């Protein structure tokens, strides 16, 4: 029962944080951050918030999110009516970036390459054309 409750709370926190970043945050750079996952500790003291930021902005996003954490925590407590709102700790979602990298490699591998054939400048083999009888 405890595990399912934590999963639901994590999902609610993720959804509300996404809404807050898009609608209520004063810093426009936070609207470009996507919350990918939230893991709430069993004692409800800490919520690890995983995010994805535009390329090259991960560290700036972490700084901005940490600065906005008190506001976000206060808003979460009010919206979710929690007795104890967890402390928010932010970390970039490296699994998401690894997944994108793997996907691009798979696309490269499966992309059709040039058809094998004679190399340019090579003479055709007898009976392969190029000679007329």
C-alpha atoms as a PDB file:
ATOM      1  CA  UNK A   1       0.000   0.000   0.000  1.00  0.00           C
ATOM      2  CA  UNK A   2       2.792   2.402   0.930  1.00  0.00           C
ATOM      3  CA  UNK A   3       4.475   1.917  -2.483  1.00  0.00           C
ATOM      4  CA  UNK A   4       1.332   2.745  -4.439  1.00  0.00           C
ATOM      5  CA  UNK A   5       0.689   5.823  -2.308  1.00  0.00           C
ATOM      6  CA  UNK A   6       4.221   7.087  -2.996  1.00  0.00           C
ATOM      7  CA  UNK A   7       3.780   6.460  -6.726  1.00  0.00           C
ATOM      8  CA  UNK A   8       0.544   8.466  -6.786  1.00  0.00           C
ATOM      9  CA  UNK A   9       2.068  11.287  -4.762  1.00  0.00           C
ATOM     10  CA  UNK A  10       5.118  11.344  -7.047  1.00  0.00           C
ATOM     11  CA  UNK A  11       2.872  11.559 -10.103  1.00  0.00           C
ATOM     12  CA  UNK A  12       0.819  14.374  -8.548  1.00  0.00           C
ATOM     13  CA  UNK A  13       3.947  16.323  -7.606  1.00  0.00           C
ATOM     14  CA  UNK A  14       5.349  15.891 -11.137  1.00  0.00           C
ATOM     15  CA  UNK A  15       2.110  17.107 -12.725  1.00  0.00           C
ATOM     16  CA  UNK A  16       1.719  20.104 -10.409  1.00  0.00           C
ATOM     17  CA  UNK A  17       5.359  21.137 -10.761  1.00  0.00           C
ATOM     18  CA  UNK A  18       4.980  21.083 -14.542  1.00  0.00           C
ATOM     19  CA  UNK A  19       1.897  23.277 -14.287  1.00  0.00           C
ATOM     20  CA  UNK A  20       3.641  25.672 -11.911  1.00  0.00           C
ATOM     21  CA  UNK A  21       6.705  26.018 -14.118  1.00  0.00           C
ATOM     22  CA  UNK A  22       4.628  26.843 -17.164  1.00  0.00           C
ATOM     23  CA  UNK A  23       1.983  29.014 -15.537  1.00  0.00           C
ATOM     24  CA  UNK A  24       3.170  30.566 -12.298  1.00  0.00           C
ATOM     25  CA  UNK A  25       6.972  30.777 -12.303  1.00  0.00           C
ATOM     26  CA  UNK A  26       8.274  34.304 -12.804  1.00  0.00           C
ATOM     27  CA  UNK A  27      11.462  33.158 -14.530  1.00  0.00           C
ATOM     28  CA  UNK A  28      10.654  32.505 -18.228  1.00  0.00           C
ATOM     29  CA  UNK A  29      13.603  30.119 -18.559  1.00  0.00           C
ATOM     30  CA  UNK A  30      11.820  27.698 -16.216  1.00  0.00           C
ATOM     31  CA  UNK A  31       8.994  27.282 -18.732  1.00  0.00           C
ATOM     32  CA  UNK A  32      11.513  25.506 -21.018  1.00  0.00           C
ATOM     33  CA  UNK A  33      12.284  22.891 -18.353  1.00  0.00           C
ATOM     34  CA  UNK A  34      10.420  19.577 -18.504  1.00  0.00           C
ATOM     35  CA  UNK A  35       9.865  17.566 -15.328  1.00  0.00           C
ATOM     36  CA  UNK A  36      10.344  13.917 -16.295  1.00  0.00           C
ATOM     37  CA  UNK A  37      10.056  12.128 -12.943  1.00  0.00           C
ATOM     38  CA  UNK A  38       9.665  12.649  -9.218  1.00  0.00           C
ATOM     39  CA  UNK A  39      10.675  10.171  -6.520  1.00  0.00           C
ATOM     40  CA  UNK A  40       9.344  10.899  -3.058  1.00  0.00           C
ATOM     41  CA  UNK A  41      11.177   9.330  -0.106  1.00  0.00           C
ATOM     42  CA  UNK A  42       9.144   6.906   2.052  1.00  0.00           C
ATOM     43  CA  UNK A  43       9.134   9.369   4.961  1.00  0.00           C
ATOM     44  CA  UNK A  44       7.844  12.140   2.627  1.00  0.00           C
ATOM     45  CA  UNK A  45      10.728  14.429   3.636  1.00  0.00           C
ATOM     46  CA  UNK A  46      12.439  14.704   0.243  1.00  0.00           C
ATOM     47  CA  UNK A  47      11.269  14.649  -3.354  1.00  0.00           C
ATOM     48  CA  UNK A  48      13.960  14.085  -5.992  1.00  0.00           C
ATOM     49  CA  UNK A  49      12.799  15.966  -9.082  1.00  0.00           C
ATOM     50  CA  UNK A  50      14.340  14.910 -12.394  1.00  0.00           C
ATOM     51  CA  UNK A  51      14.198  17.378 -15.261  1.00  0.00           C
ATOM     52  CA  UNK A  52      15.293  17.903 -18.845  1.00  0.00           C
ATOM     53  CA  UNK A  53      16.440  21.320 -20.021  1.00  0.00           C
ATOM     54  CA  UNK A  54      17.291  22.552 -23.508  1.00  0.00           C
ATOM     55  CA  UNK A  55      20.762  21.534 -24.646  1.00  0.00           C
ATOM     56  CA  UNK A  56      23.490  23.415 -22.839  1.00  0.00           C
ATOM     57  CA  UNK A  57      21.149  24.857 -20.189  1.00  0.00           C
ATOM     58  CA  UNK A  58      21.085  22.006 -17.642  1.00  0.00           C
ATOM     59  CA  UNK A  59      23.282  23.711 -15.051  1.00  0.00           C
ATOM     60  CA  UNK A  60      21.497  27.064 -15.392  1.00  0.00           C
ATOM     61  CA  UNK A  61      18.174  25.239 -15.070  1.00  0.00           C
ATOM     62  CA  UNK A  62      19.352  23.515 -11.886  1.00  0.00           C
ATOM     63  CA  UNK A  63      20.376  26.866 -10.413  1.00  0.00           C
ATOM     64  CA  UNK A  64      17.063  28.490 -11.381  1.00  0.00           C
ATOM     65  CA  UNK A  65      15.029  25.554 -10.059  1.00  0.00           C
ATOM     66  CA  UNK A  66      16.911  25.578  -6.751  1.00  0.00           C
ATOM     67  CA  UNK A  67      16.289  29.308  -6.431  1.00  0.00           C
ATOM     68  CA  UNK A  68      12.561  28.779  -7.098  1.00  0.00           C
ATOM     69  CA  UNK A  69      12.318  25.741  -4.764  1.00  0.00           C
ATOM     70  CA  UNK A  70      10.802  27.585  -1.748  1.00  0.00           C
ATOM     71  CA  UNK A  71       8.067  29.095  -3.943  1.00  0.00           C
ATOM     72  CA  UNK A  72       7.405  25.761  -5.675  1.00  0.00           C
ATOM     73  CA  UNK A  73       7.265  23.901  -2.355  1.00  0.00           C
ATOM     74  CA  UNK A  74       4.839  26.426  -0.866  1.00  0.00           C
ATOM     75  CA  UNK A  75       2.579  26.228  -3.932  1.00  0.00           C
ATOM     76  CA  UNK A  76       2.685  22.417  -3.929  1.00  0.00           C
ATOM     77  CA  UNK A  77       1.641  22.335  -0.288  1.00  0.00           C
ATOM     78  CA  UNK A  78      -1.304  24.614  -0.994  1.00  0.00           C
ATOM     79  CA  UNK A  79      -2.427  22.807  -4.159  1.00  0.00           C
ATOM     80  CA  UNK A  80      -2.044  19.254  -2.880  1.00  0.00           C
ATOM     81  CA  UNK A  81      -3.132  20.034   0.707  1.00  0.00           C
ATOM     82  CA  UNK A  82      -0.329  17.989   2.193  1.00  0.00           C
ATOM     83  CA  UNK A  83       0.283  17.890   5.913  1.00  0.00           C
ATOM     84  CA  UNK A  84       4.023  17.874   5.224  1.00  0.00           C
ATOM     85  CA  UNK A  85       5.350  19.030   1.856  1.00  0.00           C
ATOM     86  CA  UNK A  86       8.620  17.345   0.864  1.00  0.00           C
ATOM     87  CA  UNK A  87      11.819  19.325   0.294  1.00  0.00           C
ATOM     88  CA  UNK A  88      12.492  19.577  -3.456  1.00  0.00           C
ATOM     89  CA  UNK A  89      15.898  18.479  -4.748  1.00  0.00           C
ATOM     90  CA  UNK A  90      16.556  18.829  -8.453  1.00  0.00           C
ATOM     91  CA  UNK A  91      18.726  16.644 -10.690  1.00  0.00           C
ATOM     92  CA  UNK A  92      19.055  16.471 -14.474  1.00  0.00           C
ATOM     93  CA  UNK A  93      17.503  13.351 -15.985  1.00  0.00           C
ATOM     94  CA  UNK A  94      20.533  11.713 -17.572  1.00  0.00           C
ATOM     95  CA  UNK A  95      18.555   8.635 -18.555  1.00  0.00           C
ATOM     96  CA  UNK A  96      16.498  10.761 -20.930  1.00  0.00           C
ATOM     97  CA  UNK A  97      19.613  12.061 -22.694  1.00  0.00           C
ATOM     98  CA  UNK A  98      21.078   8.557 -22.888  1.00  0.00           C
ATOM     99  CA  UNK A  99      17.850   7.339 -24.455  1.00  0.00           C
ATOM    100  CA  UNK A 100      18.007  10.077 -27.087  1.00  0.00           C
ATOM    101  CA  UNK A 101      21.624   9.208 -27.840  1.00  0.00           C
ATOM    102  CA  UNK A 102      20.795   5.506 -28.219  1.00  0.00           C
ATOM    103  CA  UNK A 103      17.858   6.374 -30.456  1.00  0.00           C
ATOM    104  CA  UNK A 104      20.057   8.470 -32.766  1.00  0.00           C
ATOM    105  CA  UNK A 105      22.619   5.643 -32.979  1.00  0.00           C
ATOM    106  CA  UNK A 106      19.882   3.155 -33.860  1.00  0.00           C
ATOM    107  CA  UNK A 107      18.580   5.508 -36.558  1.00  0.00           C
ATOM    108  CA  UNK A 108      22.093   5.788 -37.984  1.00  0.00           C
ATOM    109  CA  UNK A 109      22.506   2.022 -38.069  1.00  0.00           C
ATOM    110  CA  UNK A 110      19.125   1.359 -39.684  1.00  0.00           C
ATOM    111  CA  UNK A 111      19.392   4.194 -42.224  1.00  0.00           C
ATOM    112  CA  UNK A 112      19.706   2.821 -45.748  1.00  0.00           C
ATOM    113  CA  UNK A 113      23.209   3.329 -47.053  1.00  0.00           C
ATOM    114  CA  UNK A 114      24.419   3.469 -50.644  1.00  0.00           C
ATOM    115  CA  UNK A 115      23.832   0.289 -52.580  1.00  0.00           C
ATOM    116  CA  UNK A 116      26.904  -1.846 -53.046  1.00  0.00           C
ATOM    117  CA  UNK A 117      28.185  -1.789 -56.566  1.00  0.00           C
ATOM    118  CA  UNK A 118      31.316  -1.346 -58.542  1.00  0.00           C
ATOM    119  CA  UNK A 119      33.561   1.380 -57.276  1.00  0.00           C
ATOM    120  CA  UNK A 120      33.827   4.429 -59.513  1.00  0.00           C
ATOM    121  CA  UNK A 121      36.511   3.975 -62.125  1.00  0.00           C
ATOM    122  CA  UNK A 122      36.554   0.192 -61.786  1.00  0.00           C
ATOM    123  CA  UNK A 123      36.261  -1.865 -64.936  1.00  0.00           C
ATOM    124  CA  UNK A 124      33.123  -3.958 -65.223  1.00  0.00           C
ATOM    125  CA  UNK A 125      33.538  -7.712 -64.949  1.00  0.00           C
ATOM    126  CA  UNK A 126      33.098  -9.694 -68.168  1.00  0.00           C
ATOM    127  CA  UNK A 127      29.421 -10.305 -68.830  1.00  0.00           C
ATOM    128  CA  UNK A 128      28.361  -7.453 -66.517  1.00  0.00           C
ATOM    129  CA  UNK A 129      27.677  -4.883 -69.206  1.00  0.00           C
ATOM    130  CA  UNK A 130      29.981  -2.288 -70.622  1.00  0.00           C
ATOM    131  CA  UNK A 131      30.877  -4.657 -73.505  1.00  0.00           C
ATOM    132  CA  UNK A 132      28.705  -5.030 -76.531  1.00  0.00           C
ATOM    133  CA  UNK A 133      28.817  -8.057 -78.754  1.00  0.00           C
END
